[in-house]
N, C-alpha and C. Protein backbone atom coordinates (compact mmCIF):
# COMPACT_ATOMS: atom_id res chain seq x y z
N MET A 1 -169.26 31.75 9.85
CA MET A 1 -168.38 30.49 9.54
C MET A 1 -166.93 31.19 10.21
N ARG A 2 -166.63 32.46 9.86
CA ARG A 2 -165.38 32.93 10.50
C ARG A 2 -165.03 32.65 11.91
N LYS A 3 -166.40 32.62 12.50
CA LYS A 3 -166.48 32.75 14.50
C LYS A 3 -166.08 31.13 14.62
N LEU A 4 -166.30 30.47 13.93
CA LEU A 4 -166.24 28.98 14.11
C LEU A 4 -164.58 28.58 13.53
N ILE A 5 -164.58 29.22 12.38
CA ILE A 5 -163.08 28.66 12.17
C ILE A 5 -161.85 29.03 13.12
N LEU A 6 -161.81 30.34 13.57
CA LEU A 6 -161.02 31.02 14.21
C LEU A 6 -160.57 30.08 15.82
N PRO A 7 -161.81 29.90 16.34
CA PRO A 7 -161.33 28.88 17.82
C PRO A 7 -161.03 27.26 17.11
N ILE A 8 -161.23 26.91 16.24
CA ILE A 8 -160.97 25.52 15.82
C ILE A 8 -159.44 26.17 15.60
N MET A 9 -158.94 26.61 14.55
CA MET A 9 -157.45 27.32 14.50
C MET A 9 -156.85 27.20 15.44
N ALA A 10 -157.73 27.97 16.70
CA ALA A 10 -156.36 27.80 17.76
C ALA A 10 -156.43 26.73 18.59
N VAL A 11 -158.03 25.95 18.27
CA VAL A 11 -157.19 24.47 19.05
C VAL A 11 -156.43 23.71 18.46
N ALA A 12 -156.04 23.81 17.23
CA ALA A 12 -155.51 23.16 16.20
C ALA A 12 -153.47 23.36 16.86
N ILE A 13 -153.73 24.77 16.83
CA ILE A 13 -152.12 25.33 16.93
C ILE A 13 -151.84 24.77 18.87
N ILE A 14 -152.58 24.85 19.52
CA ILE A 14 -152.08 24.56 20.70
C ILE A 14 -152.04 22.89 20.96
N LEU A 15 -153.08 22.60 20.47
CA LEU A 15 -152.43 21.22 20.37
C LEU A 15 -151.48 20.85 19.74
N GLY A 16 -151.09 21.20 18.56
CA GLY A 16 -149.93 20.99 17.78
C GLY A 16 -148.78 21.29 18.46
N LEU A 17 -148.67 22.14 19.35
CA LEU A 17 -147.92 22.84 20.17
C LEU A 17 -147.28 22.03 21.35
N TYR A 18 -148.36 21.56 22.14
CA TYR A 18 -148.47 20.69 22.87
C TYR A 18 -148.11 19.30 22.62
N GLU A 19 -148.69 18.92 22.01
CA GLU A 19 -147.67 17.42 21.38
C GLU A 19 -146.28 17.93 21.00
N GLN A 20 -145.49 18.89 20.49
CA GLN A 20 -144.63 19.15 20.36
C GLN A 20 -143.31 18.97 21.32
N THR A 21 -144.07 19.16 22.61
CA THR A 21 -143.22 19.54 23.82
C THR A 21 -143.07 18.11 24.40
N LYS A 22 -143.84 17.21 23.95
CA LYS A 22 -143.61 15.51 24.43
C LYS A 22 -142.00 15.03 24.23
N ALA A 23 -142.13 14.35 24.90
CA ALA A 23 -140.75 13.40 24.55
C ALA A 23 -140.99 12.46 23.36
N LYS A 24 -141.94 12.08 23.01
CA LYS A 24 -142.24 10.93 21.92
C LYS A 24 -143.91 11.40 21.43
N PRO A 25 -143.65 13.07 20.46
CA PRO A 25 -144.93 12.98 20.03
C PRO A 25 -145.86 12.71 19.00
N ASN A 26 -146.91 12.22 18.67
CA ASN A 26 -147.64 11.93 17.77
C ASN A 26 -147.49 12.07 16.52
N ILE A 27 -146.81 11.59 15.68
CA ILE A 27 -146.58 12.39 14.21
C ILE A 27 -147.95 12.55 13.57
N TYR A 28 -149.02 12.10 13.78
CA TYR A 28 -150.56 11.59 13.03
C TYR A 28 -151.03 12.90 13.46
N ILE A 29 -151.10 13.03 15.14
CA ILE A 29 -151.50 14.33 15.37
C ILE A 29 -151.15 15.51 15.33
N LEU A 30 -150.10 15.28 15.15
CA LEU A 30 -149.26 17.20 14.51
C LEU A 30 -149.89 17.02 13.05
N ILE A 31 -149.64 16.30 12.02
CA ILE A 31 -150.19 16.05 10.81
C ILE A 31 -151.47 16.81 10.46
N VAL A 32 -152.40 16.22 11.71
CA VAL A 32 -153.79 16.57 11.43
C VAL A 32 -153.92 18.14 12.06
N ALA A 33 -152.99 18.44 13.23
CA ALA A 33 -153.15 19.73 13.46
C ALA A 33 -152.77 20.66 12.70
N ILE A 34 -151.77 20.25 11.94
CA ILE A 34 -151.37 21.40 10.92
C ILE A 34 -152.50 21.38 9.64
N VAL A 35 -152.69 20.69 9.15
CA VAL A 35 -153.88 20.08 7.99
C VAL A 35 -155.00 21.32 8.30
N VAL A 36 -155.52 21.01 9.69
CA VAL A 36 -156.66 21.59 10.18
C VAL A 36 -156.20 23.23 10.08
N PHE A 37 -154.71 24.04 10.52
CA PHE A 37 -154.55 25.11 10.42
C PHE A 37 -154.75 25.67 9.06
N MET A 38 -153.96 25.03 8.54
CA MET A 38 -153.79 25.33 7.10
C MET A 38 -155.26 25.46 6.10
N TYR A 39 -155.98 24.60 6.66
CA TYR A 39 -157.37 24.57 5.57
C TYR A 39 -158.11 26.09 6.39
N GLY A 40 -157.93 26.18 7.43
CA GLY A 40 -158.48 27.37 7.88
C GLY A 40 -158.05 28.73 7.73
N MET A 41 -156.86 28.69 7.41
CA MET A 41 -156.16 29.92 7.08
C MET A 41 -156.62 29.71 5.39
N MET A 42 -156.49 29.02 4.54
CA MET A 42 -157.17 29.02 3.30
C MET A 42 -158.50 29.79 3.41
N GLN A 43 -159.30 29.22 4.23
CA GLN A 43 -160.99 29.78 3.91
C GLN A 43 -160.76 31.23 4.64
N LEU A 44 -160.00 31.72 5.73
CA LEU A 44 -159.92 32.70 6.02
C LEU A 44 -159.07 34.04 4.68
N SER A 45 -158.11 33.75 4.18
CA SER A 45 -157.75 34.42 3.00
C SER A 45 -158.53 34.39 1.87
N ALA A 46 -159.44 33.27 1.43
CA ALA A 46 -160.66 33.33 0.67
C ALA A 46 -161.64 34.37 0.57
N ARG A 47 -161.50 34.78 1.94
CA ARG A 47 -162.98 35.74 2.12
C ARG A 47 -161.92 37.41 2.31
N THR A 48 -161.05 37.20 2.18
CA THR A 48 -160.06 38.37 2.26
C THR A 48 -160.01 39.21 0.72
N LEU A 49 -160.56 40.82 1.57
CA LEU A 49 -160.49 41.33 -0.24
C LEU A 49 -159.42 41.92 -0.25
N HIS A 50 -158.75 41.97 -1.23
CA HIS A 50 -157.43 42.38 -1.93
C HIS A 50 -157.63 43.25 -2.56
N ASN A 51 -157.36 44.66 -1.89
CA ASN A 51 -156.81 45.84 -2.68
C ASN A 51 -156.07 45.87 -3.93
N ASN A 52 -155.24 44.82 -4.61
CA ASN A 52 -154.32 45.03 -5.60
C ASN A 52 -155.41 44.50 -6.75
N ASN A 53 -156.73 43.80 -6.53
CA ASN A 53 -157.39 43.29 -7.69
C ASN A 53 -157.67 44.46 -8.51
N HIS A 54 -158.31 45.36 -7.85
CA HIS A 54 -158.89 46.66 -8.55
C HIS A 54 -157.65 46.69 -9.62
N GLU A 55 -156.77 47.35 -9.16
CA GLU A 55 -155.47 47.98 -9.90
C GLU A 55 -154.99 47.41 -11.01
N ILE A 56 -154.76 46.04 -10.62
CA ILE A 56 -154.75 44.68 -11.83
C ILE A 56 -155.66 44.57 -12.89
N GLU A 57 -157.11 44.56 -12.40
CA GLU A 57 -158.21 44.74 -13.31
C GLU A 57 -158.18 46.51 -14.27
N GLU A 58 -157.97 47.14 -13.78
CA GLU A 58 -158.06 48.89 -14.36
C GLU A 58 -156.45 48.75 -15.28
N GLU A 59 -155.56 47.58 -14.95
CA GLU A 59 -154.11 47.96 -15.93
C GLU A 59 -154.73 47.07 -17.13
N SER A 60 -155.01 45.83 -16.79
CA SER A 60 -155.21 44.76 -18.02
C SER A 60 -156.48 45.50 -19.11
N LEU A 61 -157.08 46.31 -18.24
CA LEU A 61 -158.57 47.28 -19.40
C LEU A 61 -157.34 48.29 -19.79
N GLU A 62 -156.46 49.03 -19.37
CA GLU A 62 -156.07 49.91 -20.29
C GLU A 62 -155.19 49.01 -21.28
N GLU A 63 -154.51 48.24 -20.91
CA GLU A 63 -153.56 47.65 -21.95
C GLU A 63 -154.69 47.25 -23.27
N GLU A 64 -155.44 46.45 -22.73
CA GLU A 64 -156.53 45.84 -24.03
C GLU A 64 -156.95 47.20 -24.68
N GLN A 65 -157.56 48.64 -24.28
CA GLN A 65 -157.46 49.43 -25.47
C GLN A 65 -156.76 50.07 -25.74
N ASP A 66 -155.64 50.13 -25.33
CA ASP A 66 -154.02 50.64 -26.36
C ASP A 66 -153.96 49.39 -27.33
N ASP A 67 -153.74 48.35 -27.24
CA ASP A 67 -153.75 46.95 -27.80
C ASP A 67 -154.80 47.33 -29.14
N SER A 68 -156.69 47.46 -28.56
CA SER A 68 -157.34 47.86 -29.84
C SER A 68 -156.89 49.15 -30.64
N GLU A 69 -156.34 50.30 -29.61
CA GLU A 69 -156.56 51.37 -30.52
C GLU A 69 -155.21 51.48 -31.83
N ARG A 70 -153.92 50.71 -31.59
CA ARG A 70 -152.71 50.23 -31.91
C ARG A 70 -153.34 49.09 -33.77
N ARG A 71 -154.26 48.58 -33.64
CA ARG A 71 -154.41 48.07 -34.54
C ARG A 71 -155.42 48.83 -35.68
């Protein structure tokens, strides 16, 4: 899926930049290019592993253990 998203995003970026160079750019083409690019970025970032998630989970577990010990 990633191999499909990257070329589509590249085409959207190139189309958006080309459309901006015209004297009267078509606003609808620009909007579609931005939406396609943002959707692609959302899909790619959703698949990225975040290193901080593990640390945050550990901290929340430690806080829960501290709270239970205080009771």
